[in-house]
Amino acid sequence: MKITACRQLEDCFDGSSVYCYEFDEGWTRGDLDRFQVCSHWEYHLEFPRPFFRAREKSGFEVKGVEGESNCRVVFSRKGKEAEKAWLESLFEQSVCT
């Protein structure tokens, strides 16, 4: 799974950065397991479109739908660069600047 694009989204949070990351294929359960190291992990298989969300106390959050090839990411104000580097290190390549 590779990152193919990312774009900053309009947000209403003070000081945070919200992005949409796009990938070359849809999320699988194996891909989602990468986020189980986060302090709060949710996976809702019972939903018509299985939803996942991984969060940290800092405000960092990744959420999306299994099978789709994108996700929404919120980076915290103070940890943005480290969180971005960690997220992008989970995948084979990054095109996000």
N, C-alpha and C. Protein backbone atom coordinates (compact mmCIF):
# COMPACT_ATOMS: atom_id res chain seq x y z
N MET A 1 0.85 -1.17 0.00
CA MET A 1 0.00 0.00 0.00
C MET A 1 0.90 1.23 0.00
N LYS A 2 0.67 2.10 -0.97
CA LYS A 2 1.49 3.31 -1.11
C LYS A 2 0.62 4.56 -1.06
N ILE A 3 1.17 5.61 -0.50
CA ILE A 3 0.50 6.91 -0.52
C ILE A 3 0.68 7.47 -1.93
N THR A 4 -0.44 7.86 -2.55
CA THR A 4 -0.37 8.42 -3.90
C THR A 4 -0.60 9.93 -3.90
N ALA A 5 -1.27 10.44 -2.88
CA ALA A 5 -1.54 11.88 -2.82
C ALA A 5 -2.01 12.25 -1.41
N CYS A 6 -1.87 13.50 -1.09
CA CYS A 6 -2.49 14.03 0.12
C CYS A 6 -2.76 15.50 -0.11
N ARG A 7 -3.81 15.94 0.52
CA ARG A 7 -4.16 17.35 0.38
C ARG A 7 -4.71 17.85 1.70
N GLN A 8 -4.41 19.08 1.99
CA GLN A 8 -4.91 19.68 3.23
C GLN A 8 -6.38 20.01 3.05
N LEU A 9 -7.16 19.70 4.07
CA LEU A 9 -8.59 19.98 4.07
C LEU A 9 -8.88 21.19 4.92
N GLU A 10 -9.96 21.83 4.63
CA GLU A 10 -10.42 22.95 5.46
C GLU A 10 -10.78 22.38 6.83
N ASP A 11 -10.36 23.05 7.87
CA ASP A 11 -10.69 22.56 9.21
C ASP A 11 -11.21 23.68 10.09
N CYS A 12 -11.83 23.26 11.17
CA CYS A 12 -12.37 24.24 12.12
C CYS A 12 -11.67 24.13 13.46
N PHE A 13 -10.57 23.38 13.52
CA PHE A 13 -9.83 23.22 14.76
C PHE A 13 -8.77 24.30 14.87
N ASP A 14 -8.54 24.76 16.06
CA ASP A 14 -7.55 25.81 16.30
C ASP A 14 -6.15 25.22 16.29
N GLY A 15 -5.40 25.50 15.26
CA GLY A 15 -4.00 25.11 15.22
C GLY A 15 -3.72 23.72 14.72
N SER A 16 -4.72 22.91 14.42
CA SER A 16 -4.45 21.57 13.94
C SER A 16 -4.39 21.59 12.41
N SER A 17 -3.98 20.50 11.86
CA SER A 17 -3.90 20.35 10.41
C SER A 17 -4.66 19.11 10.00
N VAL A 18 -5.60 19.25 9.10
CA VAL A 18 -6.43 18.13 8.65
C VAL A 18 -6.09 17.83 7.19
N TYR A 19 -5.82 16.57 6.90
CA TYR A 19 -5.42 16.14 5.56
C TYR A 19 -6.25 14.94 5.11
N CYS A 20 -6.38 14.81 3.81
CA CYS A 20 -6.92 13.60 3.20
C CYS A 20 -5.75 12.90 2.53
N TYR A 21 -5.47 11.67 2.96
CA TYR A 21 -4.42 10.86 2.33
C TYR A 21 -5.10 9.88 1.39
N GLU A 22 -4.53 9.73 0.19
CA GLU A 22 -5.05 8.79 -0.79
C GLU A 22 -3.98 7.73 -1.06
N PHE A 23 -4.44 6.51 -1.31
CA PHE A 23 -3.56 5.35 -1.46
C PHE A 23 -3.84 4.64 -2.78
N ASP A 24 -2.90 3.79 -3.17
CA ASP A 24 -3.04 3.08 -4.44
C ASP A 24 -3.99 1.90 -4.37
N GLU A 25 -4.49 1.57 -3.21
CA GLU A 25 -5.46 0.48 -3.05
C GLU A 25 -6.29 0.73 -1.80
N GLY A 26 -7.37 -0.02 -1.66
CA GLY A 26 -8.25 0.16 -0.51
C GLY A 26 -7.69 -0.45 0.76
N TRP A 27 -8.18 0.05 1.89
CA TRP A 27 -7.77 -0.45 3.19
C TRP A 27 -8.23 -1.89 3.39
N THR A 28 -7.33 -2.73 3.88
CA THR A 28 -7.68 -4.09 4.28
C THR A 28 -7.51 -4.19 5.79
N ARG A 29 -8.02 -5.26 6.36
CA ARG A 29 -7.87 -5.44 7.81
C ARG A 29 -6.39 -5.47 8.19
N GLY A 30 -5.56 -6.08 7.38
CA GLY A 30 -4.12 -6.12 7.65
C GLY A 30 -3.50 -4.73 7.67
N ASP A 31 -3.93 -3.87 6.77
CA ASP A 31 -3.44 -2.50 6.76
C ASP A 31 -3.85 -1.76 8.02
N LEU A 32 -5.07 -2.00 8.46
CA LEU A 32 -5.59 -1.31 9.64
C LEU A 32 -4.86 -1.71 10.91
N ASP A 33 -4.34 -2.93 10.95
CA ASP A 33 -3.62 -3.40 12.14
C ASP A 33 -2.40 -2.55 12.46
N ARG A 34 -1.90 -1.80 11.49
CA ARG A 34 -0.74 -0.93 11.73
C ARG A 34 -1.04 0.12 12.81
N PHE A 35 -2.31 0.47 12.96
CA PHE A 35 -2.69 1.54 13.88
C PHE A 35 -3.04 1.05 15.28
N GLN A 36 -2.96 -0.24 15.54
CA GLN A 36 -3.31 -0.75 16.86
C GLN A 36 -2.34 -0.30 17.94
N VAL A 37 -1.21 0.26 17.57
CA VAL A 37 -0.26 0.79 18.55
C VAL A 37 -0.74 2.12 19.14
N CYS A 38 -1.74 2.74 18.54
CA CYS A 38 -2.26 4.02 19.04
C CYS A 38 -2.99 3.79 20.36
N SER A 39 -3.07 4.82 21.17
CA SER A 39 -3.66 4.66 22.50
C SER A 39 -5.16 4.37 22.47
N HIS A 40 -5.85 4.79 21.42
CA HIS A 40 -7.27 4.50 21.30
C HIS A 40 -7.53 3.99 19.90
N TRP A 41 -8.02 2.76 19.80
CA TRP A 41 -8.22 2.11 18.52
C TRP A 41 -9.66 1.63 18.43
N GLU A 42 -10.36 1.99 17.37
CA GLU A 42 -11.74 1.54 17.15
C GLU A 42 -11.82 0.90 15.77
N TYR A 43 -12.53 -0.20 15.71
CA TYR A 43 -12.80 -0.85 14.43
C TYR A 43 -14.23 -1.37 14.50
N HIS A 44 -15.09 -0.86 13.66
CA HIS A 44 -16.51 -1.20 13.71
C HIS A 44 -16.88 -2.05 12.50
N LEU A 45 -16.64 -3.34 12.62
CA LEU A 45 -16.94 -4.29 11.56
C LEU A 45 -18.44 -4.41 11.32
N GLU A 46 -19.22 -4.12 12.37
CA GLU A 46 -20.68 -4.28 12.28
C GLU A 46 -21.36 -3.18 11.45
N PHE A 47 -20.65 -2.11 11.16
CA PHE A 47 -21.22 -1.04 10.34
C PHE A 47 -21.38 -1.53 8.90
N PRO A 48 -22.35 -1.00 8.15
CA PRO A 48 -22.50 -1.39 6.74
C PRO A 48 -21.20 -1.17 5.94
N ARG A 49 -20.48 -0.12 6.28
CA ARG A 49 -19.15 0.14 5.71
C ARG A 49 -18.19 0.18 6.90
N PRO A 50 -17.42 -0.91 7.14
CA PRO A 50 -16.59 -0.99 8.35
C PRO A 50 -15.69 0.23 8.55
N PHE A 51 -15.86 0.89 9.67
CA PHE A 51 -15.21 2.15 10.01
C PHE A 51 -14.07 1.90 10.99
N PHE A 52 -12.96 2.64 10.81
CA PHE A 52 -11.86 2.57 11.78
C PHE A 52 -11.46 3.97 12.20
N ARG A 53 -10.93 4.05 13.43
CA ARG A 53 -10.38 5.31 13.94
C ARG A 53 -9.29 4.97 14.95
N ALA A 54 -8.15 5.63 14.76
CA ALA A 54 -7.02 5.52 15.69
C ALA A 54 -6.73 6.91 16.20
N ARG A 55 -6.62 7.06 17.53
CA ARG A 55 -6.39 8.38 18.11
C ARG A 55 -5.31 8.32 19.18
N GLU A 56 -4.69 9.47 19.37
CA GLU A 56 -3.73 9.67 20.46
C GLU A 56 -4.21 10.83 21.31
N LYS A 57 -3.76 10.88 22.54
CA LYS A 57 -4.15 11.96 23.46
C LYS A 57 -3.73 13.33 22.95
N SER A 58 -2.71 13.38 22.12
CA SER A 58 -2.20 14.65 21.59
C SER A 58 -3.20 15.32 20.64
N GLY A 59 -4.15 14.53 20.12
CA GLY A 59 -5.09 15.04 19.14
C GLY A 59 -4.91 14.42 17.77
N PHE A 60 -3.82 13.69 17.57
CA PHE A 60 -3.58 12.99 16.31
C PHE A 60 -4.69 11.96 16.11
N GLU A 61 -5.23 11.91 14.88
CA GLU A 61 -6.32 10.98 14.59
C GLU A 61 -6.27 10.56 13.13
N VAL A 62 -6.50 9.28 12.89
CA VAL A 62 -6.63 8.73 11.54
C VAL A 62 -7.96 8.01 11.51
N LYS A 63 -8.78 8.30 10.49
CA LYS A 63 -10.04 7.56 10.39
C LYS A 63 -10.42 7.36 8.94
N GLY A 64 -11.16 6.29 8.71
CA GLY A 64 -11.58 5.97 7.36
C GLY A 64 -12.47 4.76 7.34
N VAL A 65 -12.67 4.22 6.15
CA VAL A 65 -13.56 3.09 5.93
C VAL A 65 -12.79 1.98 5.25
N GLU A 66 -12.89 0.77 5.79
CA GLU A 66 -12.24 -0.37 5.16
C GLU A 66 -12.73 -0.52 3.73
N GLY A 67 -11.82 -0.78 2.81
CA GLY A 67 -12.16 -0.94 1.41
C GLY A 67 -11.99 0.33 0.59
N GLU A 68 -12.04 1.49 1.25
CA GLU A 68 -11.81 2.74 0.53
C GLU A 68 -10.32 3.01 0.44
N SER A 69 -9.93 3.84 -0.50
CA SER A 69 -8.50 4.08 -0.72
C SER A 69 -8.07 5.46 -0.22
N ASN A 70 -8.75 5.96 0.82
CA ASN A 70 -8.34 7.24 1.42
C ASN A 70 -8.63 7.21 2.91
N CYS A 71 -8.13 8.20 3.61
CA CYS A 71 -8.43 8.36 5.02
C CYS A 71 -8.26 9.83 5.39
N ARG A 72 -8.84 10.19 6.50
CA ARG A 72 -8.75 11.57 7.01
C ARG A 72 -7.80 11.54 8.19
N VAL A 73 -6.87 12.48 8.21
CA VAL A 73 -5.86 12.53 9.27
C VAL A 73 -5.86 13.93 9.88
N VAL A 74 -5.89 13.95 11.21
CA VAL A 74 -5.77 15.21 11.94
C VAL A 74 -4.44 15.15 12.69
N PHE A 75 -3.57 16.09 12.41
CA PHE A 75 -2.29 16.19 13.11
C PHE A 75 -2.44 17.23 14.22
N SER A 76 -1.82 16.96 15.35
CA SER A 76 -1.86 17.92 16.46
C SER A 76 -0.96 19.11 16.16
N ARG A 77 -1.18 20.18 16.85
CA ARG A 77 -0.41 21.41 16.63
C ARG A 77 1.06 21.20 16.97
N LYS A 78 1.34 20.64 18.13
CA LYS A 78 2.73 20.53 18.58
C LYS A 78 3.47 19.33 17.99
N GLY A 79 2.74 18.27 17.62
CA GLY A 79 3.42 17.06 17.17
C GLY A 79 3.31 16.79 15.69
N LYS A 80 2.89 17.77 14.92
CA LYS A 80 2.59 17.55 13.50
C LYS A 80 3.72 16.87 12.74
N GLU A 81 4.90 17.39 12.81
CA GLU A 81 6.00 16.84 12.00
C GLU A 81 6.33 15.41 12.39
N ALA A 82 6.38 15.11 13.68
CA ALA A 82 6.68 13.75 14.13
C ALA A 82 5.54 12.79 13.77
N GLU A 83 4.30 13.24 13.93
CA GLU A 83 3.15 12.40 13.60
C GLU A 83 3.09 12.13 12.10
N LYS A 84 3.36 13.14 11.31
CA LYS A 84 3.37 12.99 9.85
C LYS A 84 4.47 12.01 9.42
N ALA A 85 5.65 12.14 10.00
CA ALA A 85 6.76 11.24 9.66
C ALA A 85 6.42 9.80 10.06
N TRP A 86 5.82 9.60 11.23
CA TRP A 86 5.44 8.26 11.68
C TRP A 86 4.40 7.65 10.73
N LEU A 87 3.35 8.41 10.43
CA LEU A 87 2.30 7.91 9.55
C LEU A 87 2.88 7.52 8.19
N GLU A 88 3.66 8.39 7.61
CA GLU A 88 4.20 8.12 6.28
C GLU A 88 5.24 7.00 6.29
N SER A 89 5.87 6.75 7.44
CA SER A 89 6.82 5.64 7.52
C SER A 89 6.13 4.28 7.49
N LEU A 90 4.82 4.25 7.75
CA LEU A 90 4.07 3.00 7.73
C LEU A 90 3.81 2.50 6.31
N PHE A 91 4.03 3.36 5.34
CA PHE A 91 3.72 3.04 3.95
C PHE A 91 4.97 3.14 3.10
N GLU A 92 4.93 2.55 1.92
CA GLU A 92 6.12 2.39 1.09
C GLU A 92 6.69 3.68 0.55
N GLN A 93 5.87 4.67 0.33
CA GLN A 93 6.38 5.91 -0.25
C GLN A 93 5.47 7.06 0.13
N SER A 94 5.98 8.23 0.07
CA SER A 94 5.18 9.41 0.39
C SER A 94 5.33 10.44 -0.71
N VAL A 95 4.21 11.02 -1.08
CA VAL A 95 4.24 12.13 -2.03
C VAL A 95 3.74 13.39 -1.37
N CYS A 96 3.48 13.33 -0.08
CA CYS A 96 2.90 14.47 0.64
C CYS A 96 4.02 15.38 1.12
N THR A 97 3.88 16.67 0.85
CA THR A 97 4.87 17.64 1.31
C THR A 97 4.25 18.60 2.29
